[in-house]
C-alpha atoms as a PDB file:
ATOM      1  CA  MET A   1      23.906   1.785  -3.576  1.00  0.00           C
ATOM      2  CA  ARG A   2      21.615   4.609  -2.539  1.00  0.00           C
ATOM      3  CA  GLU A   3      20.644   7.435  -4.840  1.00  0.00           C
ATOM      4  CA  THR A   4      20.578  10.987  -3.606  1.00  0.00           C
ATOM      5  CA  VAL A   5      18.195  13.397  -5.210  1.00  0.00           C
ATOM      6  CA  VAL A   6      18.798  17.100  -4.798  1.00  0.00           C
ATOM      7  CA  THR A   7      15.887  19.425  -5.350  1.00  0.00           C
ATOM      8  CA  ALA A   8      15.920  23.137  -6.025  1.00  0.00           C
ATOM      9  CA  CYS A   9      15.328  25.194  -2.908  1.00  0.00           C
ATOM     10  CA  GLY A  10      14.107  28.743  -2.735  1.00  0.00           C
ATOM     11  CA  PRO A  11      14.506  31.209   0.139  1.00  0.00           C
ATOM     12  CA  SER A  12      11.172  30.134   1.654  1.00  0.00           C
ATOM     13  CA  ASP A  13      12.267  26.472   1.614  1.00  0.00           C
ATOM     14  CA  ILE A  14      15.496  27.321   3.389  1.00  0.00           C
ATOM     15  CA  ALA A  15      13.689  29.511   5.929  1.00  0.00           C
ATOM     16  CA  ALA A  16      11.204  26.720   6.617  1.00  0.00           C
ATOM     17  CA  SER A  17      13.983  24.181   7.046  1.00  0.00           C
ATOM     18  CA  LEU A  18      15.792  26.421   9.529  1.00  0.00           C
ATOM     19  CA  LYS A  19      12.705  26.216  11.747  1.00  0.00           C
ATOM     20  CA  SER A  20      12.891  22.436  11.594  1.00  0.00           C
ATOM     21  CA  GLU A  21      15.442  19.792  12.430  1.00  0.00           C
ATOM     22  CA  TYR A  22      15.381  18.650   8.778  1.00  0.00           C
ATOM     23  CA  PRO A  23      17.645  20.217   6.154  1.00  0.00           C
ATOM     24  CA  ALA A  24      15.835  21.183   2.950  1.00  0.00           C
ATOM     25  CA  GLY A  25      16.210  19.529  -0.410  1.00  0.00           C
ATOM     26  CA  VAL A  26      18.087  16.243  -0.046  1.00  0.00           C
ATOM     27  CA  SER A  27      16.410  12.845  -0.337  1.00  0.00           C
ATOM     28  CA  THR A  28      17.938   9.559   0.668  1.00  0.00           C
ATOM     29  CA  LEU A  29      15.359   6.820   0.909  1.00  0.00           C
ATOM     30  CA  PRO A  30      16.385   3.382   2.061  1.00  0.00           C
ATOM     31  CA  SER A  31      16.383   0.674  -0.592  1.00  0.00           C
ATOM     32  CA  ARG A  32      13.861  -2.133  -0.186  1.00  0.00           C
ATOM     33  CA  ASP A  33      16.576  -4.363   1.296  1.00  0.00           C
ATOM     34  CA  GLU A  34      17.691  -1.686   3.756  1.00  0.00           C
ATOM     35  CA  LEU A  35      14.099  -1.008   4.763  1.00  0.00           C
ATOM     36  CA  LEU A  36      13.354  -4.660   5.548  1.00  0.00           C
ATOM     37  CA  ALA A  37      16.687  -5.077   7.325  1.00  0.00           C
ATOM     38  CA  ALA A  38      15.850  -2.046   9.472  1.00  0.00           C
ATOM     39  CA  ILE A  39      12.338  -3.299  10.252  1.00  0.00           C
ATOM     40  CA  ALA A  40      13.828  -6.673  11.212  1.00  0.00           C
ATOM     41  CA  GLY A  41      16.309  -4.960  13.538  1.00  0.00           C
ATOM     42  CA  HIS A  42      19.401  -5.962  11.591  1.00  0.00           C
ATOM     43  CA  LEU A  43      20.677  -2.411  11.044  1.00  0.00           C
ATOM     44  CA  THR A  44      22.207  -0.284  13.739  1.00  0.00           C
ATOM     45  CA  ASP A  45      23.371   3.303  13.570  1.00  0.00           C
ATOM     46  CA  THR A  46      20.815   4.040  10.863  1.00  0.00           C
ATOM     47  CA  PRO A  47      19.559   7.247   9.275  1.00  0.00           C
ATOM     48  CA  ALA A  48      16.271   8.645  10.559  1.00  0.00           C
ATOM     49  CA  VAL A  49      13.901   6.891   8.130  1.00  0.00           C
ATOM     50  CA  THR A  50      15.311   3.414   8.731  1.00  0.00           C
ATOM     51  CA  GLY A  51      15.310   4.003  12.491  1.00  0.00           C
ATOM     52  CA  TRP A  52      11.651   4.958  12.369  1.00  0.00           C
ATOM     53  CA  ALA A  53      10.957   1.882  10.202  1.00  0.00           C
ATOM     54  CA  ARG A  54      12.520  -0.279  12.924  1.00  0.00           C
ATOM     55  CA  GLU A  55      10.302   1.307  15.568  1.00  0.00           C
ATOM     56  CA  LEU A  56       7.223   0.791  13.378  1.00  0.00           C
ATOM     57  CA  GLY A  57       8.137  -2.881  12.962  1.00  0.00           C
ATOM     58  CA  ASP A  58       8.283  -3.343  16.732  1.00  0.00           C
ATOM     59  CA  LEU A  59       5.043  -1.464  17.320  1.00  0.00           C
ATOM     60  CA  HIS A  60       3.116  -3.379  14.662  1.00  0.00           C
ATOM     61  CA  ALA A  61       4.496  -6.683  15.967  1.00  0.00           C
ATOM     62  CA  SER A  62       3.252  -5.811  19.447  1.00  0.00           C
ATOM     63  CA  LEU A  63      -0.302  -5.490  18.097  1.00  0.00           C
ATOM     64  CA  ILE A  64      -0.483  -9.020  16.697  1.00  0.00           C
ATOM     65  CA  PRO A  65      -2.980 -11.004  18.751  1.00  0.00           C
ATOM     66  CA  GLY A  66      -1.295 -13.901  20.491  1.00  0.00           C
ATOM     67  CA  ALA A  67       2.203 -12.476  20.118  1.00  0.00           C
ATOM     68  CA  VAL A  68       4.304 -14.515  22.493  1.00  0.00           C
ATOM     69  CA  ASP A  69       7.311 -12.249  22.981  1.00  0.00           C
ATOM     70  CA  PRO A  70       7.002 -11.178  26.640  1.00  0.00           C
ATOM     71  CA  GLN A  71       9.061  -8.024  26.032  1.00  0.00           C
ATOM     72  CA  ARG A  72       6.549  -6.829  23.441  1.00  0.00           C
ATOM     73  CA  ARG A  73       3.396  -7.622  25.457  1.00  0.00           C
ATOM     74  CA  ALA A  74       4.424  -6.970  29.022  1.00  0.00           C
ATOM     75  CA  GLU A  75       1.968  -6.538  31.844  1.00  0.00           C
ATOM     76  CA  GLY A  76       0.140  -3.276  31.391  1.00  0.00           C
ATOM     77  CA  PHE A  77       0.299  -3.411  27.595  1.00  0.00           C
ATOM     78  CA  ASP A  78      -1.729  -0.486  26.250  1.00  0.00           C
ATOM     79  CA  GLU A  79      -2.966  -0.816  22.675  1.00  0.00           C
ATOM     80  CA  HIS A  80      -3.929   2.871  22.594  1.00  0.00           C
ATOM     81  CA  THR A  81      -0.354   3.871  23.386  1.00  0.00           C
ATOM     82  CA  VAL A  82       0.930   1.645  20.578  1.00  0.00           C
ATOM     83  CA  HIS A  83      -1.490   3.145  18.043  1.00  0.00           C
ATOM     84  CA  THR A  84      -0.521   6.623  19.209  1.00  0.00           C
ATOM     85  CA  GLY A  85       3.161   5.728  18.819  1.00  0.00           C
ATOM     86  CA  ILE A  86       2.563   4.475  15.275  1.00  0.00           C
ATOM     87  CA  ALA A  87       0.701   7.691  14.380  1.00  0.00           C
ATOM     88  CA  GLU A  88       3.522   9.812  15.828  1.00  0.00           C
ATOM     89  CA  ILE A  89       6.210   7.963  13.865  1.00  0.00           C
ATOM     90  CA  VAL A  90       4.157   8.151  10.655  1.00  0.00           C
ATOM     91  CA  ALA A  91       3.819  11.914  11.217  1.00  0.00           C
ATOM     92  CA  GLU A  92       7.570  12.196  11.863  1.00  0.00           C
ATOM     93  CA  ILE A  93       8.352  10.384   8.590  1.00  0.00           C
ATOM     94  CA  ASN A  94       5.873  12.613   6.751  1.00  0.00           C
ATOM     95  CA  SER A  95       7.534  15.717   8.209  1.00  0.00           C
ATOM     96  CA  TRP A  96      10.918  14.414   7.101  1.00  0.00           C
ATOM     97  CA  ALA A  97       9.545  13.751   3.602  1.00  0.00           C
ATOM     98  CA  VAL A  98       8.342  17.343   3.193  1.00  0.00           C
ATOM     99  CA  PHE A  99      11.924  18.572   3.390  1.00  0.00           C
ATOM    100  CA  HIS A 100      13.720  15.685   1.722  1.00  0.00           C
ATOM    101  CA  LEU A 101      11.670  14.368  -1.174  1.00  0.00           C
ATOM    102  CA  PRO A 102      11.310  16.059  -4.532  1.00  0.00           C
ATOM    103  CA  ARG A 103       7.834  17.357  -5.324  1.00  0.00           C
ATOM    104  CA  ASN A 104       6.826  17.582  -8.952  1.00  0.00           C
ATOM    105  CA  PRO A 105       3.389  19.201  -9.306  1.00  0.00           C
ATOM    106  CA  ALA A 106       3.008  17.589 -12.747  1.00  0.00           C
ATOM    107  CA  ALA A 107       3.664  14.057 -11.427  1.00  0.00           C
ATOM    108  CA  ARG A 108       0.848  11.618 -10.779  1.00  0.00           C
ATOM    109  CA  LYS A 109      -0.419  11.662  -7.229  1.00  0.00           C
ATOM    110  CA  HIS A 110       0.058   8.709  -4.909  1.00  0.00           C
ATOM    111  CA  THR A 111      -2.665   7.732  -2.443  1.00  0.00           C
ATOM    112  CA  HIS A 112      -0.458   7.324   0.661  1.00  0.00           C
ATOM    113  CA  SER A 113       2.164   9.418   2.393  1.00  0.00           C
ATOM    114  CA  LEU A 114       5.679   8.063   2.895  1.00  0.00           C
ATOM    115  CA  GLY A 115       4.941   7.420   6.568  1.00  0.00           C
ATOM    116  CA  GLU A 116       1.832   5.432   5.691  1.00  0.00           C
ATOM    117  CA  VAL A 117       3.744   3.394   3.113  1.00  0.00           C
ATOM    118  CA  ILE A 118       6.574   2.551   5.505  1.00  0.00           C
ATOM    119  CA  SER A 119       4.077   1.736   8.259  1.00  0.00           C
ATOM    120  CA  HIS A 120       2.287  -0.627   5.861  1.00  0.00           C
ATOM    121  CA  VAL A 121       5.568  -2.352   4.968  1.00  0.00           C
ATOM    122  CA  ALA A 122       6.388  -2.739   8.683  1.00  0.00           C
ATOM    123  CA  LYS A 123       2.919  -4.115   9.489  1.00  0.00           C
ATOM    124  CA  THR A 124       3.046  -6.558   6.580  1.00  0.00           C
ATOM    125  CA  TYR A 125       6.532  -7.714   7.610  1.00  0.00           C
ATOM    126  CA  ALA A 126       5.467  -8.286  11.236  1.00  0.00           C
ATOM    127  CA  GLU A 127       2.340 -10.189  10.230  1.00  0.00           C
ATOM    128  CA  ALA A 128       4.116 -12.283   7.568  1.00  0.00           C
ATOM    129  CA  TRP A 129       6.901 -13.312   9.952  1.00  0.00           C
ATOM    130  CA  TRP A 130       4.444 -14.117  12.708  1.00  0.00           C
ATOM    131  CA  THR A 131       2.479 -16.276  10.248  1.00  0.00           C
ATOM    132  CA  VAL A 132       5.586 -18.088   9.043  1.00  0.00           C
ATOM    133  CA  LEU A 133       6.837 -18.727  12.579  1.00  0.00           C
ATOM    134  CA  HIS A 134       3.516 -19.711  14.157  1.00  0.00           C
ATOM    135  CA  THR A 135       1.652 -21.606  11.463  1.00  0.00           C
ATOM    136  CA  ALA A 136       2.135 -25.327  11.190  1.00  0.00           C
ATOM    137  CA  ALA A 137       3.691 -26.472   7.943  1.00  0.00           C
ATOM    138  CA  HIS A 138       1.008 -29.132   7.582  1.00  0.00           C
ATOM    139  CA  GLY A 139      -2.788 -29.185   7.574  1.00  0.00           C
ATOM    140  CA  GLY A 140      -3.205 -26.191   5.259  1.00  0.00           C
ATOM    141  CA  GLY A 141      -0.634 -24.075   7.069  1.00  0.00           C
ATOM    142  CA  GLU A 142       1.871 -24.315   4.257  1.00  0.00           C
ATOM    143  CA  GLU A 143      -0.492 -22.464   1.919  1.00  0.00           C
ATOM    144  CA  LEU A 144      -1.094 -19.733   4.510  1.00  0.00           C
ATOM    145  CA  ARG A 145       2.652 -19.343   5.071  1.00  0.00           C
ATOM    146  CA  HIS A 146       3.258 -19.102   1.317  1.00  0.00           C
ATOM    147  CA  GLU A 147       0.462 -16.545   0.957  1.00  0.00           C
ATOM    148  CA  ALA A 148       1.916 -14.380   3.761  1.00  0.00           C
ATOM    149  CA  TRP A 149       5.400 -14.549   2.279  1.00  0.00           C
ATOM    150  CA  PHE A 150       4.079 -13.805  -1.234  1.00  0.00           C
ATOM    151  CA  HIS A 151       2.163 -10.758   0.052  1.00  0.00           C
ATOM    152  CA  LEU A 152       5.285  -9.448   1.788  1.00  0.00           C
ATOM    153  CA  GLY A 153       7.156  -9.855  -1.520  1.00  0.00           C
ATOM    154  CA  GLU A 154       4.510  -7.801  -3.328  1.00  0.00           C
ATOM    155  CA  VAL A 155       4.710  -5.033  -0.744  1.00  0.00           C
ATOM    156  CA  TRP A 156       8.527  -5.140  -0.872  1.00  0.00           C
ATOM    157  CA  GLU A 157       8.483  -4.784  -4.693  1.00  0.00           C
ATOM    158  CA  GLY A 158       5.876  -2.029  -4.511  1.00  0.00           C
ATOM    159  CA  TYR A 159       8.075  -0.034  -2.135  1.00  0.00           C
ATOM    160  CA  ALA A 160      11.081  -0.437  -4.472  1.00  0.00           C
ATOM    161  CA  GLN A 161       9.029   0.795  -7.436  1.00  0.00           C
ATOM    162  CA  LEU A 162       7.757   3.732  -5.395  1.00  0.00           C
ATOM    163  CA  VAL A 163      11.312   4.767  -4.487  1.00  0.00           C
ATOM    164  CA  ASP A 164      12.271   4.605  -8.176  1.00  0.00           C
ATOM    165  CA  ASP A 165       9.237   6.728  -9.099  1.00  0.00           C
ATOM    166  CA  ILE A 166       9.994   9.293  -6.374  1.00  0.00           C
ATOM    167  CA  ASN A 167      13.614   9.624  -7.481  1.00  0.00           C
ATOM    168  CA  ALA A 168      12.555   9.938 -11.139  1.00  0.00           C
ATOM    169  CA  ARG A 169       9.918  12.517 -10.096  1.00  0.00           C
ATOM    170  CA  ARG A 170       7.115  10.446 -11.628  1.00  0.00           C
ATOM    171  CA  VAL A 171       5.042  10.433  -8.439  1.00  0.00           C
ATOM    172  CA  GLN A 172       4.176  12.941  -5.772  1.00  0.00           C
ATOM    173  CA  LEU A 173       3.271  11.722  -2.304  1.00  0.00           C
ATOM    174  CA  PRO A 174       0.618  13.463  -0.237  1.00  0.00           C
ATOM    175  CA  LEU A 175       1.947  15.387   2.718  1.00  0.00           C
ATOM    176  CA  GLY A 176       0.113  13.169   5.163  1.00  0.00           C
ATOM    177  CA  TRP A 177      -2.546  13.673   7.753  1.00  0.00           C
ATOM    178  CA  ARG A 178      -2.582  12.531  11.344  1.00  0.00           C
ATOM    179  CA  GLY A 179      -6.154  11.307  10.925  1.00  0.00           C
ATOM    180  CA  VAL A 180      -8.626  10.806  13.689  1.00  0.00           C
ATOM    181  CA  ALA A 181      -6.778  10.332  16.939  1.00  0.00           C
ATOM    182  CA  HIS A 182      -7.259   7.029  18.711  1.00  0.00           C
ATOM    183  CA  ALA A 183      -9.251   7.759  21.817  1.00  0.00           C
ATOM    184  CA  ALA A 184      -7.871   6.496  25.075  1.00  0.00           C
ATOM    185  CA  PRO A 185     -10.087   3.872  26.666  1.00  0.00           C
ATOM    186  CA  SER A 186     -12.331   5.380  29.300  1.00  0.00           C
ATOM    187  CA  ALA A 187     -11.536   4.465  32.862  1.00  0.00           C
ATOM    188  CA  SER A 188     -14.879   3.170  34.076  1.00  0.00           C
END
């Protein structure tokens, strides 16, 4: 069951939210199970955050060297476009978080924005699944598969703890930064 956290909104918060597509003051983060199900593509008709998580999962999977899914690495695949898409979705999640997550100035500060966290979960999921599906179960591969799966479990647990801390107002996420833009390859 999802928790909904309602934060106090002042006139400036409401005015800011009217300029945006995001209503002020209500937070509904996906649970760890919902997040992984969304990244895996098992959820349809999802709220914004889980939909963005799904897109991030696809984008990160397309960056894995040697990915064999022809729909993900079609002719004309452009890594720059994928990185730009990831940055745009991370920024979209961060914008959503500004209007939906409680901010407690007295709470400890987290090092990553919500968009960065969800992108990391999606990247870890894509890499762990690729490792499990494409690493032989013999000749040392079993250990690598276990390590990938174990790391995904740690990330999954970390996300669940972060959601609990956000809802309990024990942590405040940074607003996010788009960072240095990935430069398009020069056409020489």
